[in-house]
Amino acid sequence: MSWFRRSSEKEKLEKKYRKLLDEAYKLSHSDRKSSDLKTAEADTILKQIEALD
C-alpha cells in the first residue's frame, strides 16, 4: 500500500527538482532568461537534496 506512505523530504525535493528542470527545458525554446532562472532554482534544490544525504 505504497500510496498511503508519506513522501520523505528528499522525495519531495526530487519531485520539485524534476519539475523545475522540465519547465526550464520547455522555456529554453522561447525565453532563455526564464529558463536560466528555473535552472538556477533547480540547482538550489539539488544542493538541498545533496545536503540531506
C-alpha atoms as a PDB file:
ATOM      1  CA  MET A   1       0.000   0.000   0.000  1.00  0.00           C
ATOM      2  CA  SER A   2       2.613   2.483  -1.045  1.00  0.00           C
ATOM      3  CA  TRP A   3       0.066   5.147  -1.950  1.00  0.00           C
ATOM      4  CA  PHE A   4      -0.605   5.713   1.766  1.00  0.00           C
ATOM      5  CA  ARG A   5       3.059   6.157   2.591  1.00  0.00           C
ATOM      6  CA  ARG A   6       4.093   9.743   3.173  1.00  0.00           C
ATOM      7  CA  SER A   7       6.758  11.151   0.908  1.00  0.00           C
ATOM      8  CA  SER A   8      10.063  11.881   2.536  1.00  0.00           C
ATOM      9  CA  GLU A   9      11.588  15.338   2.353  1.00  0.00           C
ATOM     10  CA  LYS A  10      14.118  14.031  -0.175  1.00  0.00           C
ATOM     11  CA  GLU A  11      11.374  12.623  -2.418  1.00  0.00           C
ATOM     12  CA  LYS A  12       9.504  15.926  -2.327  1.00  0.00           C
ATOM     13  CA  LEU A  13      12.645  17.834  -3.261  1.00  0.00           C
ATOM     14  CA  GLU A  14      13.462  15.402  -6.079  1.00  0.00           C
ATOM     15  CA  LYS A  15       9.971  15.823  -7.500  1.00  0.00           C
ATOM     16  CA  LYS A  16      10.288  19.617  -7.339  1.00  0.00           C
ATOM     17  CA  TYR A  17      13.757  19.392  -8.937  1.00  0.00           C
ATOM     18  CA  ARG A  18      12.474  17.331 -11.873  1.00  0.00           C
ATOM     19  CA  LYS A  19       9.536  19.708 -12.344  1.00  0.00           C
ATOM     20  CA  LEU A  20      11.840  22.745 -12.426  1.00  0.00           C
ATOM     21  CA  LEU A  21      14.161  21.106 -14.952  1.00  0.00           C
ATOM     22  CA  ASP A  22      11.196  20.209 -17.143  1.00  0.00           C
ATOM     23  CA  GLU A  23       9.921  23.794 -17.012  1.00  0.00           C
ATOM     24  CA  ALA A  24      13.410  25.112 -17.754  1.00  0.00           C
ATOM     25  CA  TYR A  25      13.660  22.842 -20.792  1.00  0.00           C
ATOM     26  CA  LYS A  26      10.318  24.000 -22.144  1.00  0.00           C
ATOM     27  CA  LEU A  27      11.210  27.652 -21.565  1.00  0.00           C
ATOM     28  CA  SER A  28      14.591  27.227 -23.242  1.00  0.00           C
ATOM     29  CA  HIS A  29      12.843  27.172 -26.609  1.00  0.00           C
ATOM     30  CA  SER A  30      11.212  30.555 -26.140  1.00  0.00           C
ATOM     31  CA  ASP A  31      12.601  32.510 -23.183  1.00  0.00           C
ATOM     32  CA  ARG A  32      16.241  31.918 -22.349  1.00  0.00           C
ATOM     33  CA  LYS A  33      16.317  34.236 -19.327  1.00  0.00           C
ATOM     34  CA  SER A  34      13.401  32.476 -17.620  1.00  0.00           C
ATOM     35  CA  SER A  35      14.966  29.144 -18.466  1.00  0.00           C
ATOM     36  CA  ASP A  36      18.205  30.177 -16.775  1.00  0.00           C
ATOM     37  CA  LEU A  37      16.291  31.284 -13.677  1.00  0.00           C
ATOM     38  CA  LYS A  38      14.475  27.939 -13.463  1.00  0.00           C
ATOM     39  CA  THR A  39      17.763  26.097 -13.897  1.00  0.00           C
ATOM     40  CA  ALA A  40      19.345  28.135 -11.099  1.00  0.00           C
ATOM     41  CA  GLU A  41      16.367  27.390  -8.861  1.00  0.00           C
ATOM     42  CA  ALA A  42      16.689  23.688  -9.691  1.00  0.00           C
ATOM     43  CA  ASP A  43      20.389  23.850  -8.810  1.00  0.00           C
ATOM     44  CA  THR A  44      19.477  25.241  -5.387  1.00  0.00           C
ATOM     45  CA  ILE A  45      17.076  22.342  -4.858  1.00  0.00           C
ATOM     46  CA  LEU A  46      19.786  19.883  -5.919  1.00  0.00           C
ATOM     47  CA  LYS A  47      22.137  21.302  -3.280  1.00  0.00           C
ATOM     48  CA  GLN A  48      19.410  20.800  -0.663  1.00  0.00           C
ATOM     49  CA  ILE A  49      18.996  17.190  -1.799  1.00  0.00           C
ATOM     50  CA  GLU A  50      22.737  16.596  -1.558  1.00  0.00           C
ATOM     51  CA  ALA A  51      22.779  18.124   1.931  1.00  0.00           C
ATOM     52  CA  LEU A  52      20.199  15.553   3.063  1.00  0.00           C
ATOM     53  CA  ASP A  53      22.440  12.657   2.018  1.00  0.00           C
END
